[in-house]
């Protein structure tokens, strides 16, 4: 998350127009109990369609024969570790992962992968996952038997544990409720 914000900040030094679409650099985590999902959103550099296809495929197939062949033959594996803990570790607990991304030089696209390992990438015509002005929005749809992953305390602990070295805050969106006795 921090690397993509640093990336756009660095590019904007040479070309201030690159940051105009989304001037506030931010990270957000949005647990959604209704849809059994969590969304991790940043206003960083974003990915173009070809980057979604080429780079996220490596992460999605990490550990498979294709990825191992890439390592042996010297293929581009630089993306591994750059997509952050949220994306990479989403696979063991998610049925589907959707990545909506917008790079300044491309249209907003959605990369979607199911548990089976195949994925699709498409240019967004309808903003089903909301508009991304620049940056990336990762949504992990958990297996139904994983509601504890969305508990406020647990999400907060994970954010605290893995964000200590970030140069940017992570806004954690939570729903709070109070019970009120009605007489």
C-alpha atoms as a PDB file:
ATOM      1  CA  UNK A   1       0.000   0.000   0.000  1.00  0.00           C
ATOM      2  CA  UNK A   2       2.752   2.455   0.882  1.00  0.00           C
ATOM      3  CA  UNK A   3       4.837   1.676  -2.201  1.00  0.00           C
ATOM      4  CA  UNK A   4       2.039   2.661  -4.602  1.00  0.00           C
ATOM      5  CA  UNK A   5       1.458   5.949  -2.783  1.00  0.00           C
ATOM      6  CA  UNK A   6       5.179   6.681  -2.830  1.00  0.00           C
ATOM      7  CA  UNK A   7       5.169   5.841  -6.557  1.00  0.00           C
ATOM      8  CA  UNK A   8       2.553   8.456  -7.476  1.00  0.00           C
ATOM      9  CA  UNK A   9       4.086  10.994  -5.108  1.00  0.00           C
ATOM     10  CA  UNK A  10       7.475  10.496  -6.809  1.00  0.00           C
ATOM     11  CA  UNK A  11       5.957  10.816 -10.307  1.00  0.00           C
ATOM     12  CA  UNK A  12       4.084  13.974  -9.290  1.00  0.00           C
ATOM     13  CA  UNK A  13       7.341  15.734  -8.399  1.00  0.00           C
ATOM     14  CA  UNK A  14       8.343  15.729 -12.073  1.00  0.00           C
ATOM     15  CA  UNK A  15       4.782  16.092 -13.396  1.00  0.00           C
ATOM     16  CA  UNK A  16       2.294  17.671 -10.937  1.00  0.00           C
ATOM     17  CA  UNK A  17      -0.634  16.878 -13.272  1.00  0.00           C
ATOM     18  CA  UNK A  18      -0.274  13.170 -12.429  1.00  0.00           C
ATOM     19  CA  UNK A  19      -1.743  13.733  -8.982  1.00  0.00           C
ATOM     20  CA  UNK A  20      -4.623  16.024  -9.997  1.00  0.00           C
ATOM     21  CA  UNK A  21      -7.250  13.275 -10.460  1.00  0.00           C
ATOM     22  CA  UNK A  22      -6.920  12.263  -6.795  1.00  0.00           C
ATOM     23  CA  UNK A  23      -4.757  14.761  -4.851  1.00  0.00           C
ATOM     24  CA  UNK A  24      -5.247  13.109  -1.439  1.00  0.00           C
ATOM     25  CA  UNK A  25      -2.974  10.113  -0.928  1.00  0.00           C
ATOM     26  CA  UNK A  26      -4.828   7.567   1.182  1.00  0.00           C
ATOM     27  CA  UNK A  27      -5.287   3.948   2.207  1.00  0.00           C
ATOM     28  CA  UNK A  28      -8.651   2.578   3.311  1.00  0.00           C
ATOM     29  CA  UNK A  29      -9.846  -0.737   4.694  1.00  0.00           C
ATOM     30  CA  UNK A  30     -13.578  -1.343   4.574  1.00  0.00           C
ATOM     31  CA  UNK A  31     -14.935  -4.540   6.148  1.00  0.00           C
ATOM     32  CA  UNK A  32     -18.423  -5.433   4.912  1.00  0.00           C
ATOM     33  CA  UNK A  33     -20.299  -7.986   7.015  1.00  0.00           C
ATOM     34  CA  UNK A  34     -23.330  -7.920   4.696  1.00  0.00           C
ATOM     35  CA  UNK A  35     -21.332  -9.104   1.670  1.00  0.00           C
ATOM     36  CA  UNK A  36     -18.750 -11.042   3.736  1.00  0.00           C
ATOM     37  CA  UNK A  37     -15.940  -9.052   2.148  1.00  0.00           C
ATOM     38  CA  UNK A  38     -13.170  -6.619   2.894  1.00  0.00           C
ATOM     39  CA  UNK A  39     -12.025  -3.864   0.543  1.00  0.00           C
ATOM     40  CA  UNK A  40      -8.512  -2.458   0.643  1.00  0.00           C
ATOM     41  CA  UNK A  41      -8.334   0.765  -1.340  1.00  0.00           C
ATOM     42  CA  UNK A  42      -5.503   3.164  -2.130  1.00  0.00           C
ATOM     43  CA  UNK A  43      -5.131   6.321  -4.195  1.00  0.00           C
ATOM     44  CA  UNK A  44      -1.694   5.292  -5.427  1.00  0.00           C
ATOM     45  CA  UNK A  45      -0.255   4.884  -8.882  1.00  0.00           C
ATOM     46  CA  UNK A  46      -2.811   2.295 -10.039  1.00  0.00           C
ATOM     47  CA  UNK A  47      -2.361  -0.360 -12.703  1.00  0.00           C
ATOM     48  CA  UNK A  48      -3.092  -0.267 -16.411  1.00  0.00           C
ATOM     49  CA  UNK A  49      -4.944  -3.178 -18.042  1.00  0.00           C
ATOM     50  CA  UNK A  50      -1.732  -4.880 -19.219  1.00  0.00           C
ATOM     51  CA  UNK A  51      -0.264  -4.634 -15.705  1.00  0.00           C
ATOM     52  CA  UNK A  52      -3.378  -6.233 -14.217  1.00  0.00           C
ATOM     53  CA  UNK A  53      -3.042  -9.111 -16.679  1.00  0.00           C
ATOM     54  CA  UNK A  54       0.708  -9.616 -16.453  1.00  0.00           C
ATOM     55  CA  UNK A  55       1.468  -8.817 -12.832  1.00  0.00           C
ATOM     56  CA  UNK A  56      -1.574 -10.071 -10.940  1.00  0.00           C
ATOM     57  CA  UNK A  57      -1.483 -13.339 -12.873  1.00  0.00           C
ATOM     58  CA  UNK A  58       1.950 -13.976 -11.349  1.00  0.00           C
ATOM     59  CA  UNK A  59       0.596 -13.381  -7.851  1.00  0.00           C
ATOM     60  CA  UNK A  60      -2.559 -15.400  -8.495  1.00  0.00           C
ATOM     61  CA  UNK A  61      -0.531 -18.352  -9.740  1.00  0.00           C
ATOM     62  CA  UNK A  62       2.218 -17.965  -7.196  1.00  0.00           C
ATOM     63  CA  UNK A  63       3.549 -21.401  -6.356  1.00  0.00           C
ATOM     64  CA  UNK A  64       2.136 -22.999  -9.501  1.00  0.00           C
ATOM     65  CA  UNK A  65       4.191 -24.486 -12.290  1.00  0.00           C
ATOM     66  CA  UNK A  66       3.896 -21.318 -14.415  1.00  0.00           C
ATOM     67  CA  UNK A  67       5.300 -19.125 -11.656  1.00  0.00           C
ATOM     68  CA  UNK A  68       8.068 -21.571 -10.906  1.00  0.00           C
ATOM     69  CA  UNK A  69       8.985 -21.630 -14.619  1.00  0.00           C
ATOM     70  CA  UNK A  70       9.138 -17.816 -14.540  1.00  0.00           C
ATOM     71  CA  UNK A  71      11.547 -17.919 -11.622  1.00  0.00           C
ATOM     72  CA  UNK A  72      13.761 -20.539 -13.280  1.00  0.00           C
ATOM     73  CA  UNK A  73      13.834 -18.726 -16.642  1.00  0.00           C
ATOM     74  CA  UNK A  74      14.389 -15.296 -15.114  1.00  0.00           C
ATOM     75  CA  UNK A  75      10.862 -13.979 -15.820  1.00  0.00           C
ATOM     76  CA  UNK A  76       9.449 -10.835 -14.210  1.00  0.00           C
ATOM     77  CA  UNK A  77       8.527 -11.780 -10.656  1.00  0.00           C
ATOM     78  CA  UNK A  78       9.088  -8.305  -9.211  1.00  0.00           C
ATOM     79  CA  UNK A  79       5.377  -7.896  -8.433  1.00  0.00           C
ATOM     80  CA  UNK A  80       5.477 -10.580  -5.737  1.00  0.00           C
ATOM     81  CA  UNK A  81       5.572  -8.768  -2.427  1.00  0.00           C
ATOM     82  CA  UNK A  82       4.508  -5.441  -3.932  1.00  0.00           C
ATOM     83  CA  UNK A  83       0.774  -6.064  -3.898  1.00  0.00           C
ATOM     84  CA  UNK A  84       0.819  -6.157  -0.133  1.00  0.00           C
ATOM     85  CA  UNK A  85      -0.277  -8.546   2.529  1.00  0.00           C
ATOM     86  CA  UNK A  86      -3.966  -7.895   1.816  1.00  0.00           C
ATOM     87  CA  UNK A  87      -3.930  -9.049  -1.792  1.00  0.00           C
ATOM     88  CA  UNK A  88      -1.509 -11.956  -1.611  1.00  0.00           C
ATOM     89  CA  UNK A  89      -2.935 -13.542   1.513  1.00  0.00           C
ATOM     90  CA  UNK A  90      -6.514 -13.086   0.360  1.00  0.00           C
ATOM     91  CA  UNK A  91      -6.433 -16.310  -1.638  1.00  0.00           C
ATOM     92  CA  UNK A  92      -6.610 -18.876   1.175  1.00  0.00           C
ATOM     93  CA  UNK A  93      -9.728 -17.251   2.687  1.00  0.00           C
ATOM     94  CA  UNK A  94     -11.514 -15.861  -0.385  1.00  0.00           C
ATOM     95  CA  UNK A  95     -13.923 -17.302  -2.876  1.00  0.00           C
ATOM     96  CA  UNK A  96     -13.412 -14.366  -5.262  1.00  0.00           C
ATOM     97  CA  UNK A  97     -10.989 -11.442  -5.439  1.00  0.00           C
ATOM     98  CA  UNK A  98     -11.827  -8.336  -7.487  1.00  0.00           C
ATOM     99  CA  UNK A  99      -9.262  -5.653  -8.253  1.00  0.00           C
ATOM    100  CA  UNK A 100     -10.564  -2.394  -9.725  1.00  0.00           C
ATOM    101  CA  UNK A 101      -7.653  -0.221 -10.794  1.00  0.00           C
ATOM    102  CA  UNK A 102      -7.062   3.033 -12.638  1.00  0.00           C
ATOM    103  CA  UNK A 103      -3.683   4.248 -13.853  1.00  0.00           C
ATOM    104  CA  UNK A 104      -3.397   7.815 -15.158  1.00  0.00           C
ATOM    105  CA  UNK A 105      -2.495   6.471 -18.610  1.00  0.00           C
ATOM    106  CA  UNK A 106      -5.386   4.009 -18.968  1.00  0.00           C
ATOM    107  CA  UNK A 107      -9.081   3.433 -18.363  1.00  0.00           C
ATOM    108  CA  UNK A 108     -10.431   1.884 -15.166  1.00  0.00           C
ATOM    109  CA  UNK A 109     -10.287  -1.902 -15.413  1.00  0.00           C
ATOM    110  CA  UNK A 110     -11.398  -4.817 -13.258  1.00  0.00           C
ATOM    111  CA  UNK A 111      -9.386  -7.978 -12.715  1.00  0.00           C
ATOM    112  CA  UNK A 112     -11.421 -10.768 -11.130  1.00  0.00           C
ATOM    113  CA  UNK A 113     -10.284 -14.227 -10.037  1.00  0.00           C
ATOM    114  CA  UNK A 114     -12.157 -17.092  -8.472  1.00  0.00           C
ATOM    115  CA  UNK A 115     -10.850 -19.864  -6.293  1.00  0.00           C
ATOM    116  CA  UNK A 116     -10.291 -22.033  -9.390  1.00  0.00           C
ATOM    117  CA  UNK A 117      -7.285 -20.002 -10.539  1.00  0.00           C
ATOM    118  CA  UNK A 118      -8.643 -18.462 -13.746  1.00  0.00           C
ATOM    119  CA  UNK A 119      -9.195 -14.721 -14.055  1.00  0.00           C
ATOM    120  CA  UNK A 120     -10.850 -12.125 -16.267  1.00  0.00           C
ATOM    121  CA  UNK A 121      -9.883  -8.536 -17.016  1.00  0.00           C
ATOM    122  CA  UNK A 122     -12.226  -6.011 -18.531  1.00  0.00           C
ATOM    123  CA  UNK A 123     -12.438  -2.282 -19.115  1.00  0.00           C
ATOM    124  CA  UNK A 124     -15.095  -0.842 -16.827  1.00  0.00           C
ATOM    125  CA  UNK A 125     -18.193   0.473 -18.556  1.00  0.00           C
ATOM    126  CA  UNK A 126     -20.424   0.386 -15.477  1.00  0.00           C
ATOM    127  CA  UNK A 127     -18.862   1.346 -12.157  1.00  0.00           C
ATOM    128  CA  UNK A 128     -20.177  -1.729 -10.293  1.00  0.00           C
ATOM    129  CA  UNK A 129     -17.319  -1.470  -7.780  1.00  0.00           C
ATOM    130  CA  UNK A 130     -17.417   2.320  -7.669  1.00  0.00           C
ATOM    131  CA  UNK A 131     -15.302   4.823  -9.537  1.00  0.00           C
ATOM    132  CA  UNK A 132     -11.564   4.723  -9.011  1.00  0.00           C
ATOM    133  CA  UNK A 133     -10.103   8.080 -10.058  1.00  0.00           C
ATOM    134  CA  UNK A 134      -6.573   6.738  -9.651  1.00  0.00           C
ATOM    135  CA  UNK A 135      -5.313   3.842  -7.588  1.00  0.00           C
ATOM    136  CA  UNK A 136      -6.518   0.366  -6.755  1.00  0.00           C
ATOM    137  CA  UNK A 137      -9.447  -1.165  -4.914  1.00  0.00           C
ATOM    138  CA  UNK A 138      -8.955  -4.825  -3.866  1.00  0.00           C
ATOM    139  CA  UNK A 139     -12.069  -6.629  -2.635  1.00  0.00           C
ATOM    140  CA  UNK A 140     -11.817 -10.102  -1.134  1.00  0.00           C
ATOM    141  CA  UNK A 141     -15.120 -11.990  -0.877  1.00  0.00           C
ATOM    142  CA  UNK A 142     -14.591 -14.473   1.931  1.00  0.00           C
ATOM    143  CA  UNK A 143     -15.812 -18.027   2.130  1.00  0.00           C
ATOM    144  CA  UNK A 144     -19.103 -17.981   4.011  1.00  0.00           C
ATOM    145  CA  UNK A 145     -17.545 -19.744   6.995  1.00  0.00           C
ATOM    146  CA  UNK A 146     -15.133 -16.835   7.701  1.00  0.00           C
ATOM    147  CA  UNK A 147     -17.202 -14.098   9.441  1.00  0.00           C
ATOM    148  CA  UNK A 148     -14.638 -13.759  12.241  1.00  0.00           C
ATOM    149  CA  UNK A 149     -12.231 -12.228   9.721  1.00  0.00           C
ATOM    150  CA  UNK A 150     -14.480  -9.154   9.611  1.00  0.00           C
ATOM    151  CA  UNK A 151     -14.654  -8.542  13.359  1.00  0.00           C
ATOM    152  CA  UNK A 152     -13.567  -4.979  14.111  1.00  0.00           C
ATOM    153  CA  UNK A 153     -10.978  -5.975  16.711  1.00  0.00           C
ATOM    154  CA  UNK A 154      -9.404  -8.590  14.436  1.00  0.00           C
ATOM    155  CA  UNK A 155      -9.167  -6.249  11.439  1.00  0.00           C
ATOM    156  CA  UNK A 156      -7.714  -3.510  13.630  1.00  0.00           C
ATOM    157  CA  UNK A 157      -5.070  -5.898  15.022  1.00  0.00           C
ATOM    158  CA  UNK A 158      -4.033  -7.022  11.527  1.00  0.00           C
ATOM    159  CA  UNK A 159      -3.749  -3.410  10.322  1.00  0.00           C
ATOM    160  CA  UNK A 160      -1.715  -2.450  13.369  1.00  0.00           C
ATOM    161  CA  UNK A 161       0.605  -5.439  12.983  1.00  0.00           C
ATOM    162  CA  UNK A 162       1.344  -4.971   9.273  1.00  0.00           C
ATOM    163  CA  UNK A 163       1.339  -1.188   8.889  1.00  0.00           C
ATOM    164  CA  UNK A 164       3.965  -0.094  11.391  1.00  0.00           C
ATOM    165  CA  UNK A 165       6.446   0.746   8.635  1.00  0.00           C
ATOM    166  CA  UNK A 166       4.013   2.644   6.374  1.00  0.00           C
ATOM    167  CA  UNK A 167       4.565   6.341   5.766  1.00  0.00           C
ATOM    168  CA  UNK A 168       0.807   6.801   5.327  1.00  0.00           C
ATOM    169  CA  UNK A 169      -2.177   6.263   7.581  1.00  0.00           C
ATOM    170  CA  UNK A 170      -4.691   3.502   6.947  1.00  0.00           C
ATOM    171  CA  UNK A 171      -8.274   4.583   7.483  1.00  0.00           C
ATOM    172  CA  UNK A 172     -10.268   1.683   8.904  1.00  0.00           C
ATOM    173  CA  UNK A 173     -13.988   1.995   8.274  1.00  0.00           C
ATOM    174  CA  UNK A 174     -16.117   0.271  10.902  1.00  0.00           C
ATOM    175  CA  UNK A 175     -19.768   0.085  11.753  1.00  0.00           C
ATOM    176  CA  UNK A 176     -20.531   0.625  15.402  1.00  0.00           C
ATOM    177  CA  UNK A 177     -23.825  -0.104  17.009  1.00  0.00           C
ATOM    178  CA  UNK A 178     -25.276   0.412  20.447  1.00  0.00           C
ATOM    179  CA  UNK A 179     -28.021  -1.490  22.087  1.00  0.00           C
ATOM    180  CA  UNK A 180     -30.602   0.734  23.653  1.00  0.00           C
ATOM    181  CA  UNK A 181     -33.256  -0.497  25.987  1.00  0.00           C
ATOM    182  CA  UNK A 182     -36.724   0.659  25.015  1.00  0.00           C
ATOM    183  CA  UNK A 183     -39.316   0.706  27.746  1.00  0.00           C
END
